[in-house]
Each structure stands twice: as structure tokens, then as C-alpha cells.
Amino acid sequence: MRHLLIVDDDDRIRELLKEYLARAGFRVTAASGGAPARRLLAAMDFDLAVFDVMMPGEDGFSLTRWLRDRRPPAGRTPVLMLTAMGEAADRIEGLRLGADDYLAKPFEPEELLLRIEAILRRAQDRPAPGGSVSLGRCRFDPDRGELICDGALVRVTEAEVALLRLLARSPHAAVERLELARGAGDPSGRAVDVQVTRLRRKIEADPKAPRYLQTVRGVGYLLAPD
């Protein structure tokens, strides 16, 4: 049984989520804040953690940063952030720190369940801990957020790093354009297209005939590492 950790200071939301996800077949452990969550994460293995961002004391951003600094496998536990904050900068910050997805409150429990299932599927194909993704003359390190081409560190924006991380979690599998757009805080998806174009110029030998960052018509994009 897959084990989830729910961290939210709102007692009502925490208990509702715990009950709903338990009925969906998960083993669920809940914590009311950062301190008890740290103790649980240090003592137990979880398949996925759901962090509320706005909590008294330690917020979800700080908790995610702490988790990502831990050694694998704990440090690679997938994270879904829940928050009432809907600003693009906040979503990008969560992804920059290593969150796998971001869901704004209020939300439908069914959508939360579907996102959890999607993250767990992607996590099965995630690169090995500490491993990087080979892209011909380039390598991308999802943990460090670094792109190295021909032995030199290439400048990439935070949005480009977030996009590469999302694609690297499902190598050789198409990721929907709207899912990538959510990560970029761009409902139209136009920013995603711009980021893909820029990344192709940095990665591909021929950006007009991409080998590694491919378009999947009618769906989105995929990363095809060596």
C-alpha cells in the first residue's frame, strides 16, 4: 500500500484529506506542521508528501528545501504543494525548490487524487538518485538544476530548469503542454513554447530538427535522453 504524508495546519482539511485518500486505497499519515513532519520524514519512508505552503512556523517552501537537502531516498520523495497562493512567482518558487506539482486552494479532492496518481507514475521513471540525464553533448542534473554542455556550465533560467525537471521525470514519455504550462504559471502555454525554443538552441545540434527535446503533436513535449 502506497504511503502518503499530509502536512496541513488546518485540522478540518487535514482530516478530510486523510479520510478521502484512505478510501482511495492509500496508507495516510498526517502532520499539523513542519516540526512533526520532519520527525515523520526522518523516521519513515513515504511514497509522496503533500505540503501546505502557508503554515505557522515553518512553511511548505522551507520544508521542501529541507527535504531536498536530505540524502536519497528520503530526499527524492515526490512533493505536491497545496496553497491558497495563486501567483505565478509562488508556483515557480515551489518548482524551483523541487516540488513535483502545485495545486491551489480551493480544489476538488478528485483532482488532488488524479495529480497524486500522475506524480507517482512519473516517479517510477525518475532518474536514479544523484544521476544526470544525458543529452548528447549536454548533461542535465535534475537535483542541482544544472545544464552542462561540452564541459561548460550553461546559463538557464529558473523557468527553464523547472521545465527540464518536469520532462526529465518522465523520460521518453510525452508530458501534456497544459501540465508544463501550470509549472510555468502560464495558462496559455505560450511561455512553455518560448522556453522550449530557447532550450533547443542550447541543447540541440540542430534546433530545427530536435533530437532530445521533441514535440508530440496534439499533446506536448518529451525529453528523449541517450
C-alpha atoms as a PDB file:
ATOM      1  CA  MET A   1       0.000   0.000   0.000  1.00  0.00           C
ATOM      2  CA  ARG A   2       1.437   3.364  -1.034  1.00  0.00           C
ATOM      3  CA  HIS A   3       2.152   5.632   1.903  1.00  0.00           C
ATOM      4  CA  LEU A   4       1.318   9.354   1.792  1.00  0.00           C
ATOM      5  CA  LEU A   5       2.220  12.155   4.224  1.00  0.00           C
ATOM      6  CA  ILE A   6      -0.250  15.053   4.534  1.00  0.00           C
ATOM      7  CA  VAL A   7       1.078  18.224   6.207  1.00  0.00           C
ATOM      8  CA  ASP A   8      -1.506  20.972   6.837  1.00  0.00           C
ATOM      9  CA  ASP A   9      -2.166  23.163   9.865  1.00  0.00           C
ATOM     10  CA  ASP A  10      -5.920  23.215   9.155  1.00  0.00           C
ATOM     11  CA  ASP A  11      -7.380  20.351  11.214  1.00  0.00           C
ATOM     12  CA  ARG A  12     -10.514  20.072   9.078  1.00  0.00           C
ATOM     13  CA  ILE A  13      -8.665  19.924   5.742  1.00  0.00           C
ATOM     14  CA  ARG A  14      -6.087  17.526   7.140  1.00  0.00           C
ATOM     15  CA  GLU A  15      -8.678  15.066   8.403  1.00  0.00           C
ATOM     16  CA  LEU A  16     -10.831  15.328   5.259  1.00  0.00           C
ATOM     17  CA  LEU A  17      -7.845  14.575   3.040  1.00  0.00           C
ATOM     18  CA  LYS A  18      -6.722  11.757   5.271  1.00  0.00           C
ATOM     19  CA  GLU A  19     -10.160  10.129   5.112  1.00  0.00           C
ATOM     20  CA  TYR A  20     -10.619  10.689   1.367  1.00  0.00           C
ATOM     21  CA  LEU A  21      -7.199   9.351   0.374  1.00  0.00           C
ATOM     22  CA  ALA A  22      -7.519   6.385   2.730  1.00  0.00           C
ATOM     23  CA  ARG A  23     -10.771   5.460   0.975  1.00  0.00           C
ATOM     24  CA  ALA A  24      -8.864   5.687  -2.323  1.00  0.00           C
ATOM     25  CA  GLY A  25      -6.553   2.923  -1.116  1.00  0.00           C
ATOM     26  CA  PHE A  26      -3.596   4.819   0.329  1.00  0.00           C
ATOM     27  CA  ARG A  27      -1.977   4.491   3.703  1.00  0.00           C
ATOM     28  CA  VAL A  28      -2.080   8.053   5.056  1.00  0.00           C
ATOM     29  CA  THR A  29      -0.122   9.713   7.854  1.00  0.00           C
ATOM     30  CA  ALA A  30      -0.852  13.340   8.769  1.00  0.00           C
ATOM     31  CA  ALA A  31       1.105  16.113  10.493  1.00  0.00           C
ATOM     32  CA  SER A  32      -0.019  19.565  11.632  1.00  0.00           C
ATOM     33  CA  GLY A  33       3.195  21.437  10.787  1.00  0.00           C
ATOM     34  CA  GLY A  34       6.851  21.422   9.844  1.00  0.00           C
ATOM     35  CA  ALA A  35       8.334  20.098  13.093  1.00  0.00           C
ATOM     36  CA  PRO A  36       6.191  16.930  13.350  1.00  0.00           C
ATOM     37  CA  ALA A  37       6.543  16.421   9.588  1.00  0.00           C
ATOM     38  CA  ARG A  38      10.348  16.449   9.875  1.00  0.00           C
ATOM     39  CA  ARG A  39      10.221  13.817  12.599  1.00  0.00           C
ATOM     40  CA  LEU A  40       7.977  11.602  10.476  1.00  0.00           C
ATOM     41  CA  LEU A  41      10.099  12.041   7.344  1.00  0.00           C
ATOM     42  CA  ALA A  42      13.247  11.181   9.302  1.00  0.00           C
ATOM     43  CA  ALA A  43      11.703   8.036  10.767  1.00  0.00           C
ATOM     44  CA  MET A  44       9.501   6.639   7.968  1.00  0.00           C
ATOM     45  CA  ASP A  45       9.502   6.135   4.201  1.00  0.00           C
ATOM     46  CA  PHE A  46       6.783   7.834   2.159  1.00  0.00           C
ATOM     47  CA  ASP A  47       5.829   7.429  -1.486  1.00  0.00           C
ATOM     48  CA  LEU A  48       4.637  11.054  -1.692  1.00  0.00           C
ATOM     49  CA  ALA A  49       4.235  14.090   0.568  1.00  0.00           C
ATOM     50  CA  VAL A  50       1.544  16.782   0.344  1.00  0.00           C
ATOM     51  CA  PHE A  51       2.676  20.082   1.910  1.00  0.00           C
ATOM     52  CA  ASP A  52       0.520  23.104   2.635  1.00  0.00           C
ATOM     53  CA  VAL A  53       2.561  26.227   1.902  1.00  0.00           C
ATOM     54  CA  MET A  54       1.027  28.744   4.317  1.00  0.00           C
ATOM     55  CA  MET A  55       1.600  27.265   7.774  1.00  0.00           C
ATOM     56  CA  PRO A  56       2.602  28.976  11.033  1.00  0.00           C
ATOM     57  CA  GLY A  57       6.232  28.408  11.904  1.00  0.00           C
ATOM     58  CA  GLU A  58       7.870  26.507   9.058  1.00  0.00           C
ATOM     59  CA  ASP A  59       6.117  26.931   5.712  1.00  0.00           C
ATOM     60  CA  GLY A  60       5.902  24.413   2.885  1.00  0.00           C
ATOM     61  CA  PHE A  61       8.734  26.050   0.927  1.00  0.00           C
ATOM     62  CA  SER A  62      11.165  25.657   3.818  1.00  0.00           C
ATOM     63  CA  LEU A  63      10.017  22.091   4.444  1.00  0.00           C
ATOM     64  CA  THR A  64      10.546  21.192   0.784  1.00  0.00           C
ATOM     65  CA  ARG A  65      14.026  22.757   0.818  1.00  0.00           C
ATOM     66  CA  TRP A  66      14.917  20.728   3.927  1.00  0.00           C
ATOM     67  CA  LEU A  67      13.596  17.524   2.368  1.00  0.00           C
ATOM     68  CA  ARG A  68      15.523  18.017  -0.878  1.00  0.00           C
ATOM     69  CA  ASP A  69      18.733  18.518   1.096  1.00  0.00           C
ATOM     70  CA  ARG A  70      18.412  15.058   2.649  1.00  0.00           C
ATOM     71  CA  ARG A  71      20.151  12.008   1.236  1.00  0.00           C
ATOM     72  CA  PRO A  72      18.207   9.645  -1.078  1.00  0.00           C
ATOM     73  CA  PRO A  73      15.776   8.013  -0.941  1.00  0.00           C
ATOM     74  CA  ALA A  74      14.132  10.419   1.549  1.00  0.00           C
ATOM     75  CA  GLY A  75      15.393  13.488  -0.307  1.00  0.00           C
ATOM     76  CA  ARG A  76      13.743  12.348  -3.516  1.00  0.00           C
ATOM     77  CA  THR A  77      10.263  11.839  -2.051  1.00  0.00           C
ATOM     78  CA  PRO A  78       7.794  13.440  -4.513  1.00  0.00           C
ATOM     79  CA  VAL A  79       6.115  16.593  -3.182  1.00  0.00           C
ATOM     80  CA  LEU A  80       2.751  18.111  -4.077  1.00  0.00           C
ATOM     81  CA  MET A  81       2.153  21.614  -2.705  1.00  0.00           C
ATOM     82  CA  LEU A  82      -1.259  22.888  -1.606  1.00  0.00           C
ATOM     83  CA  THR A  83      -1.780  26.591  -1.153  1.00  0.00           C
ATOM     84  CA  ALA A  84      -4.224  29.457  -1.392  1.00  0.00           C
ATOM     85  CA  MET A  85      -1.470  31.479  -3.078  1.00  0.00           C
ATOM     86  CA  GLY A  86      -2.067  31.577  -6.822  1.00  0.00           C
ATOM     87  CA  GLU A  87       0.707  33.877  -8.002  1.00  0.00           C
ATOM     88  CA  ALA A  88       2.961  32.546 -10.763  1.00  0.00           C
ATOM     89  CA  ALA A  89       6.066  33.510  -8.768  1.00  0.00           C
ATOM     90  CA  ASP A  90       4.956  31.262  -5.896  1.00  0.00           C
ATOM     91  CA  ARG A  91       4.329  28.319  -8.197  1.00  0.00           C
ATOM     92  CA  ILE A  92       7.729  28.773  -9.815  1.00  0.00           C
ATOM     93  CA  GLU A  93       9.380  29.034  -6.393  1.00  0.00           C
ATOM     94  CA  GLY A  94       7.847  25.717  -5.347  1.00  0.00           C
ATOM     95  CA  LEU A  95       9.045  24.003  -8.510  1.00  0.00           C
ATOM     96  CA  ARG A  96      12.485  25.593  -8.193  1.00  0.00           C
ATOM     97  CA  LEU A  97      12.818  24.071  -4.731  1.00  0.00           C
ATOM     98  CA  GLY A  98      11.968  20.645  -6.118  1.00  0.00           C
ATOM     99  CA  ALA A  99       8.198  20.284  -5.765  1.00  0.00           C
ATOM    100  CA  ASP A 100       6.640  17.963  -8.336  1.00  0.00           C
ATOM    101  CA  ASP A 101       3.304  19.746  -8.690  1.00  0.00           C
ATOM    102  CA  TYR A 102       1.319  22.654  -7.278  1.00  0.00           C
ATOM    103  CA  LEU A 103      -2.427  22.778  -6.560  1.00  0.00           C
ATOM    104  CA  ALA A 104      -4.161  25.986  -5.467  1.00  0.00           C
ATOM    105  CA  LYS A 105      -6.944  26.013  -2.893  1.00  0.00           C
ATOM    106  CA  PRO A 106      -9.855  25.573  -3.125  1.00  0.00           C
ATOM    107  CA  PHE A 107      -9.620  22.345  -5.107  1.00  0.00           C
ATOM    108  CA  GLU A 108     -11.684  19.263  -5.825  1.00  0.00           C
ATOM    109  CA  PRO A 109     -10.473  16.167  -3.930  1.00  0.00           C
ATOM    110  CA  GLU A 110     -10.765  14.165  -7.140  1.00  0.00           C
ATOM    111  CA  GLU A 111      -8.289  16.498  -8.865  1.00  0.00           C
ATOM    112  CA  LEU A 112      -5.877  16.075  -5.967  1.00  0.00           C
ATOM    113  CA  LEU A 113      -6.180  12.295  -6.275  1.00  0.00           C
ATOM    114  CA  LEU A 114      -5.536  12.395 -10.033  1.00  0.00           C
ATOM    115  CA  ARG A 115      -2.473  14.590  -9.560  1.00  0.00           C
ATOM    116  CA  ILE A 116      -1.110  12.286  -6.867  1.00  0.00           C
ATOM    117  CA  GLU A 117      -1.544   9.289  -9.166  1.00  0.00           C
ATOM    118  CA  ALA A 118       0.183  11.158 -12.020  1.00  0.00           C
ATOM    119  CA  ILE A 119       3.150  12.107  -9.820  1.00  0.00           C
ATOM    120  CA  LEU A 120       3.526   8.531  -8.588  1.00  0.00           C
ATOM    121  CA  ARG A 121       3.536   7.256 -12.177  1.00  0.00           C
ATOM    122  CA  ARG A 122       6.218   9.765 -13.168  1.00  0.00           C
ATOM    123  CA  ALA A 123       8.275   8.942 -10.090  1.00  0.00           C
ATOM    124  CA  GLN A 124       8.690   5.375 -11.337  1.00  0.00           C
ATOM    125  CA  ASP A 125      10.686   6.706 -14.299  1.00  0.00           C
ATOM    126  CA  ARG A 126      12.608   9.365 -12.390  1.00  0.00           C
ATOM    127  CA  PRO A 127      16.393   9.346 -12.991  1.00  0.00           C
ATOM    128  CA  ALA A 128      18.435   7.474 -10.404  1.00  0.00           C
ATOM    129  CA  PRO A 129      19.417   9.434  -7.280  1.00  0.00           C
ATOM    130  CA  GLY A 130      22.345  11.688  -7.954  1.00  0.00           C
ATOM    131  CA  GLY A 131      22.170  10.776 -11.646  1.00  0.00           C
ATOM    132  CA  SER A 132      22.061  13.179 -14.542  1.00  0.00           C
ATOM    133  CA  VAL A 133      20.298  12.969 -17.881  1.00  0.00           C
ATOM    134  CA  SER A 134      22.495  12.537 -20.959  1.00  0.00           C
ATOM    135  CA  LEU A 135      21.511  14.717 -23.927  1.00  0.00           C
ATOM    136  CA  GLY A 136      24.295  14.171 -26.422  1.00  0.00           C
ATOM    137  CA  ARG A 137      26.979  16.778 -25.786  1.00  0.00           C
ATOM    138  CA  CYS A 138      24.952  18.051 -22.821  1.00  0.00           C
ATOM    139  CA  ARG A 139      24.001  16.676 -19.424  1.00  0.00           C
ATOM    140  CA  PHE A 140      21.213  17.892 -17.169  1.00  0.00           C
ATOM    141  CA  ASP A 141      21.329  17.314 -13.415  1.00  0.00           C
ATOM    142  CA  PRO A 142      17.740  17.474 -12.089  1.00  0.00           C
ATOM    143  CA  ASP A 143      18.866  17.664  -8.462  1.00  0.00           C
ATOM    144  CA  ARG A 144      21.269  20.570  -8.961  1.00  0.00           C
ATOM    145  CA  GLY A 145      19.296  22.198 -11.747  1.00  0.00           C
ATOM    146  CA  GLU A 146      22.466  22.427 -13.855  1.00  0.00           C
ATOM    147  CA  LEU A 147      22.872  22.084 -17.617  1.00  0.00           C
ATOM    148  CA  ILE A 148      26.419  21.326 -18.759  1.00  0.00           C
ATOM    149  CA  CYS A 149      27.308  21.298 -22.471  1.00  0.00           C
ATOM    150  CA  ASP A 150      30.758  20.483 -23.811  1.00  0.00           C
ATOM    151  CA  GLY A 151      32.054  20.529 -20.251  1.00  0.00           C
ATOM    152  CA  ALA A 152      30.868  24.082 -19.532  1.00  0.00           C
ATOM    153  CA  LEU A 153      28.029  25.232 -17.318  1.00  0.00           C
ATOM    154  CA  VAL A 154      25.253  26.732 -19.465  1.00  0.00           C
ATOM    155  CA  ARG A 155      23.111  29.551 -18.126  1.00  0.00           C
ATOM    156  CA  VAL A 156      19.467  28.501 -17.793  1.00  0.00           C
ATOM    157  CA  THR A 157      16.604  30.416 -16.235  1.00  0.00           C
ATOM    158  CA  GLU A 158      14.603  29.098 -13.280  1.00  0.00           C
ATOM    159  CA  ALA A 159      11.638  28.536 -15.583  1.00  0.00           C
ATOM    160  CA  GLU A 160      13.795  26.520 -17.990  1.00  0.00           C
ATOM    161  CA  VAL A 161      15.135  24.411 -15.112  1.00  0.00           C
ATOM    162  CA  ALA A 162      11.571  23.764 -13.898  1.00  0.00           C
ATOM    163  CA  LEU A 163      10.559  22.698 -17.417  1.00  0.00           C
ATOM    164  CA  LEU A 164      13.531  20.345 -17.803  1.00  0.00           C
ATOM    165  CA  ARG A 165      12.840  18.818 -14.399  1.00  0.00           C
ATOM    166  CA  LEU A 166       9.242  18.083 -15.310  1.00  0.00           C
ATOM    167  CA  LEU A 167      10.301  16.475 -18.590  1.00  0.00           C
ATOM    168  CA  ALA A 168      13.208  14.558 -17.007  1.00  0.00           C
ATOM    169  CA  ARG A 169      10.824  12.898 -14.538  1.00  0.00           C
ATOM    170  CA  SER A 170       9.122  11.126 -17.444  1.00  0.00           C
ATOM    171  CA  PRO A 171      11.916  10.367 -19.947  1.00  0.00           C
ATOM    172  CA  HIS A 172      10.732   9.207 -23.384  1.00  0.00           C
ATOM    173  CA  ALA A 173       7.123   9.941 -22.371  1.00  0.00           C
ATOM    174  CA  ALA A 174       5.047  12.883 -23.565  1.00  0.00           C
ATOM    175  CA  VAL A 175       4.139  15.450 -20.916  1.00  0.00           C
ATOM    176  CA  GLU A 176       0.992  17.421 -21.645  1.00  0.00           C
ATOM    177  CA  ARG A 177       1.525  21.023 -22.644  1.00  0.00           C
ATOM    178  CA  LEU A 178      -1.016  22.238 -20.076  1.00  0.00           C
ATOM    179  CA  GLU A 179       0.812  20.384 -17.311  1.00  0.00           C
ATOM    180  CA  LEU A 180       4.042  22.095 -18.311  1.00  0.00           C
ATOM    181  CA  ALA A 181       2.178  25.400 -18.526  1.00  0.00           C
ATOM    182  CA  ARG A 182       0.919  25.026 -14.959  1.00  0.00           C
ATOM    183  CA  GLY A 183       4.505  24.661 -13.818  1.00  0.00           C
ATOM    184  CA  ALA A 184       5.405  27.840 -15.662  1.00  0.00           C
ATOM    185  CA  GLY A 185       2.405  29.760 -14.307  1.00  0.00           C
ATOM    186  CA  ASP A 186       1.254  30.288 -17.885  1.00  0.00           C
ATOM    187  CA  PRO A 187      -2.350  29.165 -18.607  1.00  0.00           C
ATOM    188  CA  SER A 188      -1.944  29.935 -22.335  1.00  0.00           C
ATOM    189  CA  GLY A 189       1.129  27.738 -22.721  1.00  0.00           C
ATOM    190  CA  ARG A 190       2.919  30.398 -24.775  1.00  0.00           C
ATOM    191  CA  ALA A 191       5.736  30.736 -22.233  1.00  0.00           C
ATOM    192  CA  VAL A 192       6.356  26.978 -22.448  1.00  0.00           C
ATOM    193  CA  ASP A 193       6.812  27.211 -26.222  1.00  0.00           C
ATOM    194  CA  VAL A 194       9.296  30.060 -25.778  1.00  0.00           C
ATOM    195  CA  GLN A 195      11.253  28.104 -23.144  1.00  0.00           C
ATOM    196  CA  VAL A 196      11.385  25.014 -25.370  1.00  0.00           C
ATOM    197  CA  THR A 197      12.710  27.109 -28.273  1.00  0.00           C
ATOM    198  CA  ARG A 198      15.429  28.608 -26.066  1.00  0.00           C
ATOM    199  CA  LEU A 199      16.408  25.246 -24.594  1.00  0.00           C
ATOM    200  CA  ARG A 200      16.686  23.697 -28.048  1.00  0.00           C
ATOM    201  CA  ARG A 201      19.183  26.397 -29.008  1.00  0.00           C
ATOM    202  CA  LYS A 202      21.283  25.383 -26.009  1.00  0.00           C
ATOM    203  CA  ILE A 203      20.941  21.599 -26.258  1.00  0.00           C
ATOM    204  CA  GLU A 204      20.326  20.583 -29.851  1.00  0.00           C
ATOM    205  CA  ALA A 205      22.906  20.369 -32.631  1.00  0.00           C
ATOM    206  CA  ASP A 206      20.101  21.442 -34.986  1.00  0.00           C
ATOM    207  CA  PRO A 207      17.295  23.240 -33.098  1.00  0.00           C
ATOM    208  CA  LYS A 208      15.033  22.988 -36.171  1.00  0.00           C
ATOM    209  CA  ALA A 209      15.329  19.191 -36.133  1.00  0.00           C
ATOM    210  CA  PRO A 210      15.408  18.425 -32.388  1.00  0.00           C
ATOM    211  CA  ARG A 211      16.713  15.048 -31.269  1.00  0.00           C
ATOM    212  CA  TYR A 212      16.370  15.376 -27.499  1.00  0.00           C
ATOM    213  CA  LEU A 213      13.592  17.915 -26.813  1.00  0.00           C
ATOM    214  CA  GLN A 214      10.834  16.710 -29.095  1.00  0.00           C
ATOM    215  CA  THR A 215       7.331  17.966 -29.894  1.00  0.00           C
ATOM    216  CA  VAL A 216       4.486  15.482 -29.595  1.00  0.00           C
ATOM    217  CA  ARG A 217       1.742  16.890 -31.777  1.00  0.00           C
ATOM    218  CA  GLY A 218      -1.570  17.399 -30.035  1.00  0.00           C
ATOM    219  CA  VAL A 219      -0.062  16.525 -26.644  1.00  0.00           C
ATOM    220  CA  GLY A 220       3.002  18.497 -25.590  1.00  0.00           C
ATOM    221  CA  TYR A 221       6.711  17.720 -25.355  1.00  0.00           C
ATOM    222  CA  LEU A 222       9.012  14.872 -24.368  1.00  0.00           C
ATOM    223  CA  LEU A 223      12.635  14.543 -23.386  1.00  0.00           C
ATOM    224  CA  ALA A 224      14.480  11.710 -25.145  1.00  0.00           C
ATOM    225  CA  PRO A 225      17.825  11.249 -23.331  1.00  0.00           C
ATOM    226  CA  ASP A 226      20.528   8.876 -24.606  1.00  0.00           C
END
